């Protein structure tokens, strides 16, 4: 694939509808898939309103682009939200099973409900614990998946505290950075 080609992400949320995202291909190696999307106006408005309601971005800001990194061996993805002029709005990670390639330009990720948001000033927000607990109660994720998600969340929180997340994962050689 070459930069600008479109990849398709099948995004599974157990117990809910599957969502398909079409994103611009940036790069792929043995570690990750990187994509980028400039959002159409309707999605910019809808997504920005949702982020405003959650207190993730100020009311006057709008998301215009999202750069995504999907990892083949990590229990999360990493989304970088940017506004007009490229100013950073925040980093977001869905905790989930590592992405898998299911065809040429086609990938799949299963979300395990927990998420984090990191503000540009370093404040961290843990998201969707209620939804996670409900998924466990309704048995839409397994006990193994629940343990996996909790461990991933704990790890990311620790990495934020140590200043490793997200910088470590935005580097092309993140395996070289020692814990």
C-alpha atoms as a PDB file:
ATOM      1  CA  UNK A   1       0.000   0.000   0.000  1.00  0.00           C
ATOM      2  CA  UNK A   2       1.089   3.577  -0.464  1.00  0.00           C
ATOM      3  CA  UNK A   3       0.449   6.715   1.543  1.00  0.00           C
ATOM      4  CA  UNK A   4      -3.046   8.032   0.941  1.00  0.00           C
ATOM      5  CA  UNK A   5      -4.570   4.674   0.021  1.00  0.00           C
ATOM      6  CA  UNK A   6      -7.676   3.818   2.020  1.00  0.00           C
ATOM      7  CA  UNK A   7      -7.691   1.090   4.653  1.00  0.00           C
ATOM      8  CA  UNK A   8     -10.786  -0.326   6.272  1.00  0.00           C
ATOM      9  CA  UNK A   9     -10.978  -1.013   9.995  1.00  0.00           C
ATOM     10  CA  UNK A  10     -13.639  -3.390  11.289  1.00  0.00           C
ATOM     11  CA  UNK A  11     -14.187  -2.182  14.836  1.00  0.00           C
ATOM     12  CA  UNK A  12     -15.950  -4.702  17.066  1.00  0.00           C
ATOM     13  CA  UNK A  13     -17.623  -3.738  20.337  1.00  0.00           C
ATOM     14  CA  UNK A  14     -18.919  -6.988  21.842  1.00  0.00           C
ATOM     15  CA  UNK A  15     -22.673  -6.900  22.298  1.00  0.00           C
ATOM     16  CA  UNK A  16     -23.027  -3.900  19.965  1.00  0.00           C
ATOM     17  CA  UNK A  17     -23.006  -3.203  16.239  1.00  0.00           C
ATOM     18  CA  UNK A  18     -19.758  -3.491  14.296  1.00  0.00           C
ATOM     19  CA  UNK A  19     -18.460  -0.150  12.975  1.00  0.00           C
ATOM     20  CA  UNK A  20     -16.393   0.198   9.822  1.00  0.00           C
ATOM     21  CA  UNK A  21     -13.908   3.052   9.489  1.00  0.00           C
ATOM     22  CA  UNK A  22     -12.249   4.075   6.247  1.00  0.00           C
ATOM     23  CA  UNK A  23      -8.995   5.878   6.928  1.00  0.00           C
ATOM     24  CA  UNK A  24      -6.045   7.120   4.925  1.00  0.00           C
ATOM     25  CA  UNK A  25      -3.070   4.770   4.995  1.00  0.00           C
ATOM     26  CA  UNK A  26       0.126   6.352   6.335  1.00  0.00           C
ATOM     27  CA  UNK A  27       2.395   3.374   7.039  1.00  0.00           C
ATOM     28  CA  UNK A  28       2.552  -0.216   8.223  1.00  0.00           C
ATOM     29  CA  UNK A  29       5.367  -2.314   9.640  1.00  0.00           C
ATOM     30  CA  UNK A  30       5.620  -5.334  11.943  1.00  0.00           C
ATOM     31  CA  UNK A  31       4.730  -3.140  14.944  1.00  0.00           C
ATOM     32  CA  UNK A  32       1.762  -1.062  13.842  1.00  0.00           C
ATOM     33  CA  UNK A  33      -0.557   0.388  11.259  1.00  0.00           C
ATOM     34  CA  UNK A  34      -0.740   4.192  11.105  1.00  0.00           C
ATOM     35  CA  UNK A  35      -3.668   6.018   9.527  1.00  0.00           C
ATOM     36  CA  UNK A  36      -4.871   9.594   9.189  1.00  0.00           C
ATOM     37  CA  UNK A  37      -8.250  11.118   8.489  1.00  0.00           C
ATOM     38  CA  UNK A  38      -9.393  14.654   7.881  1.00  0.00           C
ATOM     39  CA  UNK A  39     -12.967  14.583   9.084  1.00  0.00           C
ATOM     40  CA  UNK A  40     -15.921  15.765   7.002  1.00  0.00           C
ATOM     41  CA  UNK A  41     -17.880  18.663   8.482  1.00  0.00           C
ATOM     42  CA  UNK A  42     -20.790  16.541   9.787  1.00  0.00           C
ATOM     43  CA  UNK A  43     -18.474  14.162  11.632  1.00  0.00           C
ATOM     44  CA  UNK A  44     -16.387  17.082  12.936  1.00  0.00           C
ATOM     45  CA  UNK A  45     -19.523  18.612  14.452  1.00  0.00           C
ATOM     46  CA  UNK A  46     -20.903  15.366  15.902  1.00  0.00           C
ATOM     47  CA  UNK A  47     -17.580  14.160  17.329  1.00  0.00           C
ATOM     48  CA  UNK A  48     -16.679  17.579  18.730  1.00  0.00           C
ATOM     49  CA  UNK A  49     -20.065  17.845  20.496  1.00  0.00           C
ATOM     50  CA  UNK A  50     -19.557  14.387  22.028  1.00  0.00           C
ATOM     51  CA  UNK A  51     -16.083  15.350  23.268  1.00  0.00           C
ATOM     52  CA  UNK A  52     -17.468  18.626  24.674  1.00  0.00           C
ATOM     53  CA  UNK A  53     -20.185  16.758  26.607  1.00  0.00           C
ATOM     54  CA  UNK A  54     -17.566  14.466  28.159  1.00  0.00           C
ATOM     55  CA  UNK A  55     -15.392  17.421  29.163  1.00  0.00           C
ATOM     56  CA  UNK A  56     -12.540  16.247  26.969  1.00  0.00           C
ATOM     57  CA  UNK A  57     -12.162  19.381  24.844  1.00  0.00           C
ATOM     58  CA  UNK A  58     -13.279  23.006  25.401  1.00  0.00           C
ATOM     59  CA  UNK A  59     -16.557  24.087  23.790  1.00  0.00           C
ATOM     60  CA  UNK A  60     -14.834  26.456  21.341  1.00  0.00           C
ATOM     61  CA  UNK A  61     -12.608  23.733  19.855  1.00  0.00           C
ATOM     62  CA  UNK A  62     -13.400  21.337  16.994  1.00  0.00           C
ATOM     63  CA  UNK A  63     -11.697  18.107  15.965  1.00  0.00           C
ATOM     64  CA  UNK A  64     -10.563  18.340  12.352  1.00  0.00           C
ATOM     65  CA  UNK A  65      -8.118  15.439  12.030  1.00  0.00           C
ATOM     66  CA  UNK A  66      -7.379  12.138  13.736  1.00  0.00           C
ATOM     67  CA  UNK A  67      -4.104  10.258  13.392  1.00  0.00           C
ATOM     68  CA  UNK A  68      -4.426   6.662  14.570  1.00  0.00           C
ATOM     69  CA  UNK A  69      -1.871   4.037  15.489  1.00  0.00           C
ATOM     70  CA  UNK A  70      -3.134   0.459  15.692  1.00  0.00           C
ATOM     71  CA  UNK A  71      -0.693  -1.983  17.283  1.00  0.00           C
ATOM     72  CA  UNK A  72      -0.296  -5.630  16.299  1.00  0.00           C
ATOM     73  CA  UNK A  73       0.976  -6.648  19.766  1.00  0.00           C
ATOM     74  CA  UNK A  74      -0.330  -3.992  22.164  1.00  0.00           C
ATOM     75  CA  UNK A  75      -3.657  -4.027  24.048  1.00  0.00           C
ATOM     76  CA  UNK A  76      -4.738  -0.573  22.843  1.00  0.00           C
ATOM     77  CA  UNK A  77      -4.704   1.854  19.959  1.00  0.00           C
ATOM     78  CA  UNK A  78      -3.544   5.478  20.082  1.00  0.00           C
ATOM     79  CA  UNK A  79      -5.560   8.306  18.561  1.00  0.00           C
ATOM     80  CA  UNK A  80      -4.231  11.835  18.239  1.00  0.00           C
ATOM     81  CA  UNK A  81      -6.970  14.472  17.923  1.00  0.00           C
ATOM     82  CA  UNK A  82      -6.034  17.787  16.321  1.00  0.00           C
ATOM     83  CA  UNK A  83      -7.831  21.076  15.672  1.00  0.00           C
ATOM     84  CA  UNK A  84      -7.401  23.723  12.997  1.00  0.00           C
ATOM     85  CA  UNK A  85      -3.760  24.524  12.416  1.00  0.00           C
ATOM     86  CA  UNK A  86      -2.722  21.171  13.833  1.00  0.00           C
ATOM     87  CA  UNK A  87      -3.011  22.118  17.502  1.00  0.00           C
ATOM     88  CA  UNK A  88      -3.252  19.060  19.743  1.00  0.00           C
ATOM     89  CA  UNK A  89      -6.591  18.485  21.469  1.00  0.00           C
ATOM     90  CA  UNK A  90      -5.643  15.244  23.212  1.00  0.00           C
ATOM     91  CA  UNK A  91      -4.693  11.601  22.989  1.00  0.00           C
ATOM     92  CA  UNK A  92      -7.209   8.793  23.289  1.00  0.00           C
ATOM     93  CA  UNK A  93      -6.736   5.056  23.579  1.00  0.00           C
ATOM     94  CA  UNK A  94      -9.301   2.311  23.306  1.00  0.00           C
ATOM     95  CA  UNK A  95      -8.270  -0.679  25.396  1.00  0.00           C
ATOM     96  CA  UNK A  96      -8.764  -3.750  23.262  1.00  0.00           C
ATOM     97  CA  UNK A  97      -7.328  -6.779  21.612  1.00  0.00           C
ATOM     98  CA  UNK A  98      -4.417  -6.033  19.261  1.00  0.00           C
ATOM     99  CA  UNK A  99      -5.384  -5.219  15.696  1.00  0.00           C
ATOM    100  CA  UNK A 100      -5.184  -8.030  13.164  1.00  0.00           C
ATOM    101  CA  UNK A 101      -4.953  -7.838   9.397  1.00  0.00           C
ATOM    102  CA  UNK A 102      -7.841  -9.754   7.833  1.00  0.00           C
ATOM    103  CA  UNK A 103      -7.188  -8.933   4.169  1.00  0.00           C
ATOM    104  CA  UNK A 104      -5.349  -6.542   1.897  1.00  0.00           C
ATOM    105  CA  UNK A 105      -5.971  -3.109   3.405  1.00  0.00           C
ATOM    106  CA  UNK A 106      -8.464  -4.594   5.884  1.00  0.00           C
ATOM    107  CA  UNK A 107      -7.973  -4.798   9.630  1.00  0.00           C
ATOM    108  CA  UNK A 108      -9.994  -5.750  12.692  1.00  0.00           C
ATOM    109  CA  UNK A 109      -9.899  -4.620  16.324  1.00  0.00           C
ATOM    110  CA  UNK A 110     -12.055  -5.718  19.245  1.00  0.00           C
ATOM    111  CA  UNK A 111     -12.740  -3.012  21.832  1.00  0.00           C
ATOM    112  CA  UNK A 112     -12.883  -4.038  25.487  1.00  0.00           C
ATOM    113  CA  UNK A 113     -14.765  -0.906  26.585  1.00  0.00           C
ATOM    114  CA  UNK A 114     -12.162   0.875  28.752  1.00  0.00           C
ATOM    115  CA  UNK A 115     -10.595   4.046  27.362  1.00  0.00           C
ATOM    116  CA  UNK A 116      -8.246   6.820  28.415  1.00  0.00           C
ATOM    117  CA  UNK A 117      -7.982  10.457  27.395  1.00  0.00           C
ATOM    118  CA  UNK A 118      -4.808  12.440  27.954  1.00  0.00           C
ATOM    119  CA  UNK A 119      -5.158  16.211  27.808  1.00  0.00           C
ATOM    120  CA  UNK A 120      -2.283  18.227  26.295  1.00  0.00           C
ATOM    121  CA  UNK A 121      -1.491  19.531  29.812  1.00  0.00           C
ATOM    122  CA  UNK A 122      -0.941  15.961  31.077  1.00  0.00           C
ATOM    123  CA  UNK A 123      -4.245  15.408  32.904  1.00  0.00           C
ATOM    124  CA  UNK A 124      -5.472  11.848  32.451  1.00  0.00           C
ATOM    125  CA  UNK A 125      -9.101  10.754  32.385  1.00  0.00           C
ATOM    126  CA  UNK A 126     -10.139   7.124  32.772  1.00  0.00           C
ATOM    127  CA  UNK A 127     -13.273   6.496  30.735  1.00  0.00           C
ATOM    128  CA  UNK A 128     -16.099   3.979  30.504  1.00  0.00           C
ATOM    129  CA  UNK A 129     -15.657   1.952  33.697  1.00  0.00           C
ATOM    130  CA  UNK A 130     -19.456   1.744  33.985  1.00  0.00           C
ATOM    131  CA  UNK A 131     -19.796   0.424  30.447  1.00  0.00           C
ATOM    132  CA  UNK A 132     -16.986  -2.072  31.165  1.00  0.00           C
ATOM    133  CA  UNK A 133     -18.698  -3.319  34.339  1.00  0.00           C
ATOM    134  CA  UNK A 134     -21.972  -3.659  32.430  1.00  0.00           C
ATOM    135  CA  UNK A 135     -20.220  -5.680  29.692  1.00  0.00           C
ATOM    136  CA  UNK A 136     -18.870  -8.043  32.356  1.00  0.00           C
ATOM    137  CA  UNK A 137     -22.261  -8.335  34.062  1.00  0.00           C
ATOM    138  CA  UNK A 138     -23.983  -9.037  30.740  1.00  0.00           C
ATOM    139  CA  UNK A 139     -21.253 -11.520  29.796  1.00  0.00           C
ATOM    140  CA  UNK A 140     -20.442  -9.854  26.491  1.00  0.00           C
ATOM    141  CA  UNK A 141     -16.733 -10.095  27.314  1.00  0.00           C
ATOM    142  CA  UNK A 142     -15.025 -13.076  28.892  1.00  0.00           C
ATOM    143  CA  UNK A 143     -13.266 -13.164  32.262  1.00  0.00           C
ATOM    144  CA  UNK A 144      -9.966 -13.412  30.357  1.00  0.00           C
ATOM    145  CA  UNK A 145     -10.810 -10.306  28.313  1.00  0.00           C
ATOM    146  CA  UNK A 146     -11.790  -8.435  31.482  1.00  0.00           C
ATOM    147  CA  UNK A 147      -8.450  -9.287  33.155  1.00  0.00           C
ATOM    148  CA  UNK A 148      -6.626  -8.331  29.960  1.00  0.00           C
ATOM    149  CA  UNK A 149      -8.416  -4.947  29.813  1.00  0.00           C
ATOM    150  CA  UNK A 150      -7.813  -4.152  33.495  1.00  0.00           C
ATOM    151  CA  UNK A 151      -4.100  -4.972  33.158  1.00  0.00           C
ATOM    152  CA  UNK A 152      -3.820  -2.798  30.043  1.00  0.00           C
ATOM    153  CA  UNK A 153      -5.562   0.104  31.766  1.00  0.00           C
ATOM    154  CA  UNK A 154      -3.303  -0.211  34.813  1.00  0.00           C
ATOM    155  CA  UNK A 155      -0.249  -0.269  32.566  1.00  0.00           C
ATOM    156  CA  UNK A 156      -1.258   2.822  30.584  1.00  0.00           C
ATOM    157  CA  UNK A 157      -2.027   4.781  33.762  1.00  0.00           C
ATOM    158  CA  UNK A 158       1.439   3.906  35.096  1.00  0.00           C
ATOM    159  CA  UNK A 159       3.044   4.850  31.782  1.00  0.00           C
ATOM    160  CA  UNK A 160       1.304   8.237  31.796  1.00  0.00           C
ATOM    161  CA  UNK A 161       2.587   8.842  35.340  1.00  0.00           C
ATOM    162  CA  UNK A 162       6.124   7.981  34.204  1.00  0.00           C
ATOM    163  CA  UNK A 163       5.903  10.174  31.106  1.00  0.00           C
ATOM    164  CA  UNK A 164       6.136   7.248  28.670  1.00  0.00           C
ATOM    165  CA  UNK A 165       2.636   7.444  27.168  1.00  0.00           C
ATOM    166  CA  UNK A 166       2.012   8.594  24.450  1.00  0.00           C
ATOM    167  CA  UNK A 167       5.497   9.637  23.303  1.00  0.00           C
ATOM    168  CA  UNK A 168       6.891   6.122  23.548  1.00  0.00           C
ATOM    169  CA  UNK A 169       4.265   4.838  21.108  1.00  0.00           C
ATOM    170  CA  UNK A 170       4.539   7.672  18.621  1.00  0.00           C
ATOM    171  CA  UNK A 171       8.225   6.911  18.088  1.00  0.00           C
ATOM    172  CA  UNK A 172       9.225   4.527  15.315  1.00  0.00           C
ATOM    173  CA  UNK A 173      11.560   2.709  17.698  1.00  0.00           C
ATOM    174  CA  UNK A 174       9.452   2.501  20.844  1.00  0.00           C
ATOM    175  CA  UNK A 175      10.753  -0.967  21.710  1.00  0.00           C
ATOM    176  CA  UNK A 176      14.181   0.609  22.292  1.00  0.00           C
ATOM    177  CA  UNK A 177      12.914   2.754  25.187  1.00  0.00           C
ATOM    178  CA  UNK A 178      13.569   1.028  28.491  1.00  0.00           C
ATOM    179  CA  UNK A 179      10.985   0.747  31.232  1.00  0.00           C
END
